Amino acid sequence: MASFTLYGRAWCHLCDDLRAGLEPIASEFGVGIEWIDIDTDPALEARYDERVPVLVLDGVELCHYHLDASRVRAALEARGASS
């Protein structure tokens, strides 16, 4: 099953907002969401730090800070067409 990777922080309200907006889209397309708290990994913290949340699908960064629903849907539709 395909899965989004959502990099964020436990105390980040933007992360909560992006995740809440993403959940219905993920459910619609049958895609899981893997949540990764960057504060548990120094390399991820150094990479993403103040850019969280960062949403990735198939190794491609789709958006950060706020959900870009159009881009997410387009990526999922393109992924479905190529499957």
PDB file of N, CA and C in Angstrom:
ATOM      1  N   MET A   1       0.846  -1.191   0.000  1.00  0.00           N
ATOM      2  CA  MET A   1       0.000   0.000   0.000  1.00  0.00           C
ATOM      3  C   MET A   1       0.887   1.248   0.000  1.00  0.00           C
ATOM      4  N   ALA A   2       0.503   2.218  -0.785  1.00  0.00           N
ATOM      5  CA  ALA A   2       1.219   3.492  -0.829  1.00  0.00           C
ATOM      6  C   ALA A   2       1.052   4.215   0.501  1.00  0.00           C
ATOM      7  N   SER A   3       2.006   5.067   0.787  1.00  0.00           N
ATOM      8  CA  SER A   3       1.952   5.799   2.039  1.00  0.00           C
ATOM      9  C   SER A   3       2.608   7.168   1.896  1.00  0.00           C
ATOM     10  N   PHE A   4       1.931   8.167   2.432  1.00  0.00           N
ATOM     11  CA  PHE A   4       2.557   9.471   2.574  1.00  0.00           C
ATOM     12  C   PHE A   4       3.529   9.397   3.731  1.00  0.00           C
ATOM     13  N   THR A   5       4.578  10.193   3.678  1.00  0.00           N
ATOM     14  CA  THR A   5       5.430  10.399   4.835  1.00  0.00           C
ATOM     15  C   THR A   5       5.255  11.856   5.223  1.00  0.00           C
ATOM     16  N   LEU A   6       4.850  12.066   6.455  1.00  0.00           N
ATOM     17  CA  LEU A   6       4.629  13.412   6.960  1.00  0.00           C
ATOM     18  C   LEU A   6       5.632  13.667   8.080  1.00  0.00           C
ATOM     19  N   TYR A   7       6.584  14.564   7.795  1.00  0.00           N
ATOM     20  CA  TYR A   7       7.597  14.934   8.773  1.00  0.00           C
ATOM     21  C   TYR A   7       7.096  16.139   9.543  1.00  0.00           C
ATOM     22  N   GLY A   8       7.185  16.060  10.871  1.00  0.00           N
ATOM     23  CA  GLY A   8       6.707  17.171  11.688  1.00  0.00           C
ATOM     24  C   GLY A   8       7.219  17.088  13.105  1.00  0.00           C
ATOM     25  N   ARG A   9       6.552  17.835  13.944  1.00  0.00           N
ATOM     26  CA  ARG A   9       6.877  17.870  15.371  1.00  0.00           C
ATOM     27  C   ARG A   9       5.588  17.712  16.166  1.00  0.00           C
ATOM     28  N   ALA A  10       5.707  17.101  17.330  1.00  0.00           N
ATOM     29  CA  ALA A  10       4.537  16.846  18.167  1.00  0.00           C
ATOM     30  C   ALA A  10       3.842  18.132  18.603  1.00  0.00           C
ATOM     31  N   TRP A  11       4.588  19.197  18.774  1.00  0.00           N
ATOM     32  CA  TRP A  11       4.018  20.442  19.298  1.00  0.00           C
ATOM     33  C   TRP A  11       3.677  21.461  18.214  1.00  0.00           C
ATOM     34  N   CYS A  12       3.663  21.046  16.960  1.00  0.00           N
ATOM     35  CA  CYS A  12       3.522  21.955  15.822  1.00  0.00           C
ATOM     36  C   CYS A  12       2.059  22.039  15.359  1.00  0.00           C
ATOM     37  N   HIS A  13       1.445  23.211  15.501  1.00  0.00           N
ATOM     38  CA  HIS A  13       0.048  23.342  15.083  1.00  0.00           C
ATOM     39  C   HIS A  13      -0.106  23.269  13.566  1.00  0.00           C
ATOM     40  N   LEU A  14       0.880  23.720  12.802  1.00  0.00           N
ATOM     41  CA  LEU A  14       0.809  23.587  11.348  1.00  0.00           C
ATOM     42  C   LEU A  14       0.829  22.111  10.939  1.00  0.00           C
ATOM     43  N   CYS A  15       1.582  21.311  11.678  1.00  0.00           N
ATOM     44  CA  CYS A  15       1.633  19.874  11.422  1.00  0.00           C
ATOM     45  C   CYS A  15       0.259  19.251  11.657  1.00  0.00           C
ATOM     46  N   ASP A  16      -0.372  19.632  12.748  1.00  0.00           N
ATOM     47  CA  ASP A  16      -1.720  19.136  13.051  1.00  0.00           C
ATOM     48  C   ASP A  16      -2.695  19.539  11.957  1.00  0.00           C
ATOM     49  N   ASP A  17      -2.609  20.789  11.501  1.00  0.00           N
ATOM     50  CA  ASP A  17      -3.508  21.286  10.464  1.00  0.00           C
ATOM     51  C   ASP A  17      -3.309  20.540   9.144  1.00  0.00           C
ATOM     52  N   LEU A  18      -2.047  20.344   8.748  1.00  0.00           N
ATOM     53  CA  LEU A  18      -1.786  19.652   7.492  1.00  0.00           C
ATOM     54  C   LEU A  18      -2.289  18.216   7.567  1.00  0.00           C
ATOM     55  N   ARG A  19      -2.022  17.578   8.673  1.00  0.00           N
ATOM     56  CA  ARG A  19      -2.461  16.182   8.835  1.00  0.00           C
ATOM     57  C   ARG A  19      -3.983  16.070   8.786  1.00  0.00           C
ATOM     58  N   ALA A  20      -4.671  16.987   9.440  1.00  0.00           N
ATOM     59  CA  ALA A  20      -6.141  16.969   9.443  1.00  0.00           C
ATOM     60  C   ALA A  20      -6.694  17.167   8.034  1.00  0.00           C
ATOM     61  N   GLY A  21      -6.070  18.030   7.249  1.00  0.00           N
ATOM     62  CA  GLY A  21      -6.516  18.241   5.884  1.00  0.00           C
ATOM     63  C   GLY A  21      -6.168  17.085   4.959  1.00  0.00           C
ATOM     64  N   LEU A  22      -5.074  16.409   5.251  1.00  0.00           N
ATOM     65  CA  LEU A  22      -4.602  15.302   4.429  1.00  0.00           C
ATOM     66  C   LEU A  22      -5.405  14.025   4.650  1.00  0.00           C
ATOM     67  N   GLU A  23      -5.858  13.796   5.868  1.00  0.00           N
ATOM     68  CA  GLU A  23      -6.516  12.526   6.200  1.00  0.00           C
ATOM     69  C   GLU A  23      -7.690  12.181   5.284  1.00  0.00           C
ATOM     70  N   PRO A  24      -8.606  13.122   4.970  1.00  0.00           N
ATOM     71  CA  PRO A  24      -9.702  12.747   4.069  1.00  0.00           C
ATOM     72  C   PRO A  24      -9.234  12.409   2.646  1.00  0.00           C
ATOM     73  N   ILE A  25      -8.210  13.098   2.169  1.00  0.00           N
ATOM     74  CA  ILE A  25      -7.678  12.817   0.830  1.00  0.00           C
ATOM     75  C   ILE A  25      -7.019  11.443   0.826  1.00  0.00           C
ATOM     76  N   ALA A  26      -6.219  11.171   1.843  1.00  0.00           N
ATOM     77  CA  ALA A  26      -5.551   9.872   1.954  1.00  0.00           C
ATOM     78  C   ALA A  26      -6.578   8.747   2.016  1.00  0.00           C
ATOM     79  N   SER A  27      -7.620   8.959   2.774  1.00  0.00           N
ATOM     80  CA  SER A  27      -8.677   7.953   2.893  1.00  0.00           C
ATOM     81  C   SER A  27      -9.381   7.731   1.555  1.00  0.00           C
ATOM     82  N   GLU A  28      -9.674   8.806   0.869  1.00  0.00           N
ATOM     83  CA  GLU A  28     -10.339   8.722  -0.440  1.00  0.00           C
ATOM     84  C   GLU A  28      -9.536   7.883  -1.440  1.00  0.00           C
ATOM     85  N   PHE A  29      -8.215   8.029  -1.415  1.00  0.00           N
ATOM     86  CA  PHE A  29      -7.349   7.328  -2.355  1.00  0.00           C
ATOM     87  C   PHE A  29      -6.783   6.025  -1.790  1.00  0.00           C
ATOM     88  N   GLY A  30      -7.112   5.702  -0.543  1.00  0.00           N
ATOM     89  CA  GLY A  30      -6.610   4.476   0.070  1.00  0.00           C
ATOM     90  C   GLY A  30      -5.122   4.499   0.346  1.00  0.00           C
ATOM     91  N   VAL A  31      -4.622   5.666   0.748  1.00  0.00           N
ATOM     92  CA  VAL A  31      -3.193   5.852   1.004  1.00  0.00           C
ATOM     93  C   VAL A  31      -2.987   6.071   2.497  1.00  0.00           C
ATOM     94  N   GLY A  32      -1.997   5.415   3.064  1.00  0.00           N
ATOM     95  CA  GLY A  32      -1.685   5.585   4.473  1.00  0.00           C
ATOM     96  C   GLY A  32      -0.869   6.849   4.717  1.00  0.00           C
ATOM     97  N   ILE A  33      -0.753   7.208   5.974  1.00  0.00           N
ATOM     98  CA  ILE A  33       0.065   8.352   6.379  1.00  0.00           C
ATOM     99  C   ILE A  33       1.030   7.879   7.455  1.00  0.00           C
ATOM    100  N   GLU A  34       2.305   7.961   7.157  1.00  0.00           N
ATOM    101  CA  GLU A  34       3.331   7.637   8.147  1.00  0.00           C
ATOM    102  C   GLU A  34       3.807   8.949   8.762  1.00  0.00           C
ATOM    103  N   TRP A  35       3.596   9.101  10.053  1.00  0.00           N
ATOM    104  CA  TRP A  35       3.986  10.309  10.779  1.00  0.00           C
ATOM    105  C   TRP A  35       5.374  10.098  11.351  1.00  0.00           C
ATOM    106  N   ILE A  36       6.286  11.043  11.097  1.00  0.00           N
ATOM    107  CA  ILE A  36       7.634  10.958  11.657  1.00  0.00           C
ATOM    108  C   ILE A  36       7.938  12.256  12.395  1.00  0.00           C
ATOM    109  N   ASP A  37       8.187  12.134  13.690  1.00  0.00           N
ATOM    110  CA  ASP A  37       8.554  13.282  14.524  1.00  0.00           C
ATOM    111  C   ASP A  37      10.048  13.538  14.332  1.00  0.00           C
ATOM    112  N   ILE A  38      10.386  14.648  13.699  1.00  0.00           N
ATOM    113  CA  ILE A  38      11.791  14.930  13.387  1.00  0.00           C
ATOM    114  C   ILE A  38      12.642  15.132  14.625  1.00  0.00           C
ATOM    115  N   ASP A  39      12.009  15.455  15.748  1.00  0.00           N
ATOM    116  CA  ASP A  39      12.773  15.673  16.977  1.00  0.00           C
ATOM    117  C   ASP A  39      13.350  14.388  17.554  1.00  0.00           C
ATOM    118  N   THR A  40      12.961  13.241  16.992  1.00  0.00           N
ATOM    119  CA  THR A  40      13.512  11.963  17.467  1.00  0.00           C
ATOM    120  C   THR A  40      14.735  11.532  16.671  1.00  0.00           C
ATOM    121  N   ASP A  41      15.103  12.316  15.648  1.00  0.00           N
ATOM    122  CA  ASP A  41      16.224  11.947  14.786  1.00  0.00           C
ATOM    123  C   ASP A  41      17.022  13.209  14.439  1.00  0.00           C
ATOM    124  N   PRO A  42      18.255  13.330  14.957  1.00  0.00           N
ATOM    125  CA  PRO A  42      19.052  14.534  14.713  1.00  0.00           C
ATOM    126  C   PRO A  42      19.254  14.855  13.225  1.00  0.00           C
ATOM    127  N   ALA A  43      19.372  13.832  12.381  1.00  0.00           N
ATOM    128  CA  ALA A  43      19.561  14.085  10.950  1.00  0.00           C
ATOM    129  C   ALA A  43      18.301  14.699  10.333  1.00  0.00           C
ATOM    130  N   LEU A  44      17.142  14.180  10.724  1.00  0.00           N
ATOM    131  CA  LEU A  44      15.886  14.750  10.212  1.00  0.00           C
ATOM    132  C   LEU A  44      15.650  16.148  10.764  1.00  0.00           C
ATOM    133  N   GLU A  45      15.989  16.344  12.020  1.00  0.00           N
ATOM    134  CA  GLU A  45      15.846  17.671  12.620  1.00  0.00           C
ATOM    135  C   GLU A  45      16.720  18.679  11.882  1.00  0.00           C
ATOM    136  N   ALA A  46      17.943  18.288  11.555  1.00  0.00           N
ATOM    137  CA  ALA A  46      18.843  19.185  10.821  1.00  0.00           C
ATOM    138  C   ALA A  46      18.323  19.450   9.409  1.00  0.00           C
ATOM    139  N   ARG A  47      17.739  18.425   8.801  1.00  0.00           N
ATOM    140  CA  ARG A  47      17.256  18.570   7.414  1.00  0.00           C
ATOM    141  C   ARG A  47      16.003  19.429   7.310  1.00  0.00           C
ATOM    142  N   TYR A  48      15.040  19.200   8.203  1.00  0.00           N
ATOM    143  CA  TYR A  48      13.741  19.861   8.073  1.00  0.00           C
ATOM    144  C   TYR A  48      13.517  21.015   9.041  1.00  0.00           C
ATOM    145  N   ASP A  49      14.067  20.950  10.201  1.00  0.00           N
ATOM    146  CA  ASP A  49      13.978  21.949  11.268  1.00  0.00           C
ATOM    147  C   ASP A  49      12.747  22.855  11.187  1.00  0.00           C
ATOM    148  N   GLU A  50      12.897  24.071  10.718  1.00  0.00           N
ATOM    149  CA  GLU A  50      11.803  25.044  10.712  1.00  0.00           C
ATOM    150  C   GLU A  50      10.875  24.915   9.507  1.00  0.00           C
ATOM    151  N   ARG A  51      11.112  23.942   8.615  1.00  0.00           N
ATOM    152  CA  ARG A  51      10.276  23.791   7.424  1.00  0.00           C
ATOM    153  C   ARG A  51       9.066  22.907   7.651  1.00  0.00           C
ATOM    154  N   VAL A  52       8.938  22.297   8.797  1.00  0.00           N
ATOM    155  CA  VAL A  52       7.843  21.358   9.041  1.00  0.00           C
ATOM    156  C   VAL A  52       6.500  22.079   9.096  1.00  0.00           C
ATOM    157  N   PRO A  53       5.467  21.370   8.724  1.00  0.00           N
ATOM    158  CA  PRO A  53       5.439  20.001   8.240  1.00  0.00           C
ATOM    159  C   PRO A  53       5.889  19.895   6.791  1.00  0.00           C
ATOM    160  N   VAL A  54       6.421  18.726   6.461  1.00  0.00           N
ATOM    161  CA  VAL A  54       6.839  18.426   5.095  1.00  0.00           C
ATOM    162  C   VAL A  54       6.149  17.119   4.699  1.00  0.00           C
ATOM    163  N   LEU A  55       5.443  17.152   3.567  1.00  0.00           N
ATOM    164  CA  LEU A  55       4.713  15.984   3.084  1.00  0.00           C
ATOM    165  C   LEU A  55       5.424  15.407   1.861  1.00  0.00           C
ATOM    166  N   VAL A  56       5.696  14.096   1.922  1.00  0.00           N
ATOM    167  CA  VAL A  56       6.433  13.408   0.861  1.00  0.00           C
ATOM    168  C   VAL A  56       5.620  12.196   0.393  1.00  0.00           C
ATOM    169  N   LEU A  57       5.628  11.973  -0.925  1.00  0.00           N
ATOM    170  CA  LEU A  57       5.029  10.774  -1.510  1.00  0.00           C
ATOM    171  C   LEU A  57       6.000  10.246  -2.552  1.00  0.00           C
ATOM    172  N   ASP A  58       6.352   8.987  -2.428  1.00  0.00           N
ATOM    173  CA  ASP A  58       7.276   8.345  -3.378  1.00  0.00           C
ATOM    174  C   ASP A  58       8.577   9.134  -3.518  1.00  0.00           C
ATOM    175  N   GLY A  59       9.066   9.669  -2.425  1.00  0.00           N
ATOM    176  CA  GLY A  59      10.332  10.393  -2.435  1.00  0.00           C
ATOM    177  C   GLY A  59      10.252  11.814  -2.950  1.00  0.00           C
ATOM    178  N   VAL A  60       9.069  12.267  -3.311  1.00  0.00           N
ATOM    179  CA  VAL A  60       8.883  13.619  -3.841  1.00  0.00           C
ATOM    180  C   VAL A  60       8.205  14.486  -2.788  1.00  0.00           C
ATOM    181  N   GLU A  61       8.837  15.610  -2.472  1.00  0.00           N
ATOM    182  CA  GLU A  61       8.247  16.551  -1.529  1.00  0.00           C
ATOM    183  C   GLU A  61       7.097  17.282  -2.221  1.00  0.00           C
ATOM    184  N   LEU A  62       5.909  17.129  -1.666  1.00  0.00           N
ATOM    185  CA  LEU A  62       4.727  17.736  -2.273  1.00  0.00           C
ATOM    186  C   LEU A  62       4.409  19.120  -1.713  1.00  0.00           C
ATOM    187  N   CYS A  63       4.606  19.291  -0.422  1.00  0.00           N
ATOM    188  CA  CYS A  63       4.322  20.591   0.173  1.00  0.00           C
ATOM    189  C   CYS A  63       4.933  20.663   1.571  1.00  0.00           C
ATOM    190  N   HIS A  64       5.068  21.883   2.045  1.00  0.00           N
ATOM    191  CA  HIS A  64       5.485  22.101   3.424  1.00  0.00           C
ATOM    192  C   HIS A  64       4.740  23.316   3.962  1.00  0.00           C
ATOM    193  N   TYR A  65       4.685  23.413   5.268  1.00  0.00           N
ATOM    194  CA  TYR A  65       3.930  24.431   6.011  1.00  0.00           C
ATOM    195  C   TYR A  65       2.411  24.216   5.905  1.00  0.00           C
ATOM    196  N   HIS A  66       1.883  24.198   4.680  1.00  0.00           N
ATOM    197  CA  HIS A  66       0.435  24.082   4.490  1.00  0.00           C
ATOM    198  C   HIS A  66       0.149  23.039   3.410  1.00  0.00           C
ATOM    199  N   LEU A  67      -1.006  22.402   3.519  1.00  0.00           N
ATOM    200  CA  LEU A  67      -1.418  21.396   2.553  1.00  0.00           C
ATOM    201  C   LEU A  67      -1.719  22.049   1.207  1.00  0.00           C
ATOM    202  N   ASP A  68      -1.105  21.546   0.162  1.00  0.00           N
ATOM    203  CA  ASP A  68      -1.423  21.938  -1.205  1.00  0.00           C
ATOM    204  C   ASP A  68      -2.272  20.796  -1.769  1.00  0.00           C
ATOM    205  N   ALA A  69      -3.574  20.861  -1.511  1.00  0.00           N
ATOM    206  CA  ALA A  69      -4.476  19.762  -1.858  1.00  0.00           C
ATOM    207  C   ALA A  69      -4.464  19.473  -3.354  1.00  0.00           C
ATOM    208  N   SER A  70      -4.376  20.494  -4.183  1.00  0.00           N
ATOM    209  CA  SER A  70      -4.354  20.290  -5.632  1.00  0.00           C
ATOM    210  C   SER A  70      -3.124  19.493  -6.055  1.00  0.00           C
ATOM    211  N   ARG A  71      -1.989  19.839  -5.496  1.00  0.00           N
ATOM    212  CA  ARG A  71      -0.748  19.119  -5.843  1.00  0.00           C
ATOM    213  C   ARG A  71      -0.786  17.686  -5.327  1.00  0.00           C
ATOM    214  N   VAL A  72      -1.323  17.501  -4.130  1.00  0.00           N
ATOM    215  CA  VAL A  72      -1.426  16.158  -3.552  1.00  0.00           C
ATOM    216  C   VAL A  72      -2.339  15.292  -4.409  1.00  0.00           C
ATOM    217  N   ARG A  73      -3.498  15.821  -4.777  1.00  0.00           N
ATOM    218  CA  ARG A  73      -4.433  15.062  -5.616  1.00  0.00           C
ATOM    219  C   ARG A  73      -3.816  14.742  -6.978  1.00  0.00           C
ATOM    220  N   ALA A  74      -3.138  15.721  -7.572  1.00  0.00           N
ATOM    221  CA  ALA A  74      -2.499  15.483  -8.870  1.00  0.00           C
ATOM    222  C   ALA A  74      -1.452  14.388  -8.772  1.00  0.00           C
ATOM    223  N   ALA A  75      -0.663  14.386  -7.705  1.00  0.00           N
ATOM    224  CA  ALA A  75       0.361  13.351  -7.513  1.00  0.00           C
ATOM    225  C   ALA A  75      -0.280  11.974  -7.355  1.00  0.00           C
ATOM    226  N   LEU A  76      -1.371  11.917  -6.617  1.00  0.00           N
ATOM    227  CA  LEU A  76      -2.065  10.638  -6.420  1.00  0.00           C
ATOM    228  C   LEU A  76      -2.694  10.158  -7.712  1.00  0.00           C
ATOM    229  N   GLU A  77      -3.289  11.065  -8.466  1.00  0.00           N
ATOM    230  CA  GLU A  77      -3.906  10.678  -9.733  1.00  0.00           C
ATOM    231  C   GLU A  77      -2.837  10.220 -10.733  1.00  0.00           C
ATOM    232  N   ALA A  78      -1.707  10.907 -10.788  1.00  0.00           N
ATOM    233  CA  ALA A  78      -0.621  10.505 -11.677  1.00  0.00           C
ATOM    234  C   ALA A  78      -0.060   9.147 -11.256  1.00  0.00           C
ATOM    235  N   ARG A  79       0.024   8.943  -9.977  1.00  0.00           N
ATOM    236  CA  ARG A  79       0.528   7.673  -9.443  1.00  0.00           C
ATOM    237  C   ARG A  79      -0.391   6.528  -9.838  1.00  0.00           C
ATOM    238  N   GLY A  80      -1.694   6.792  -9.758  1.00  0.00           N
ATOM    239  CA  GLY A  80      -2.685   5.774 -10.144  1.00  0.00           C
ATOM    240  C   GLY A  80      -2.630   5.457 -11.622  1.00  0.00           C
ATOM    241  N   ALA A  81      -2.378   6.484 -12.429  1.00  0.00           N
ATOM    242  CA  ALA A  81      -2.311   6.293 -13.875  1.00  0.00           C
ATOM    243  C   ALA A  81      -1.075   5.496 -14.267  1.00  0.00           C
ATOM    244  N   SER A  82      -0.012   5.612 -13.456  1.00  0.00           N
ATOM    245  CA  SER A  82       1.232   4.913 -13.796  1.00  0.00           C
ATOM    246  C   SER A  82       1.308   3.522 -13.172  1.00  0.00           C
ATOM    247  N   SER A  83       0.351   3.189 -12.315  1.00  0.00           N
ATOM    248  CA  SER A  83       0.380   1.874 -11.642  1.00  0.00           C
ATOM    249  C   SER A  83      -0.096   0.767 -12.547  1.00  0.00           C
TER     250      SER A  83
END
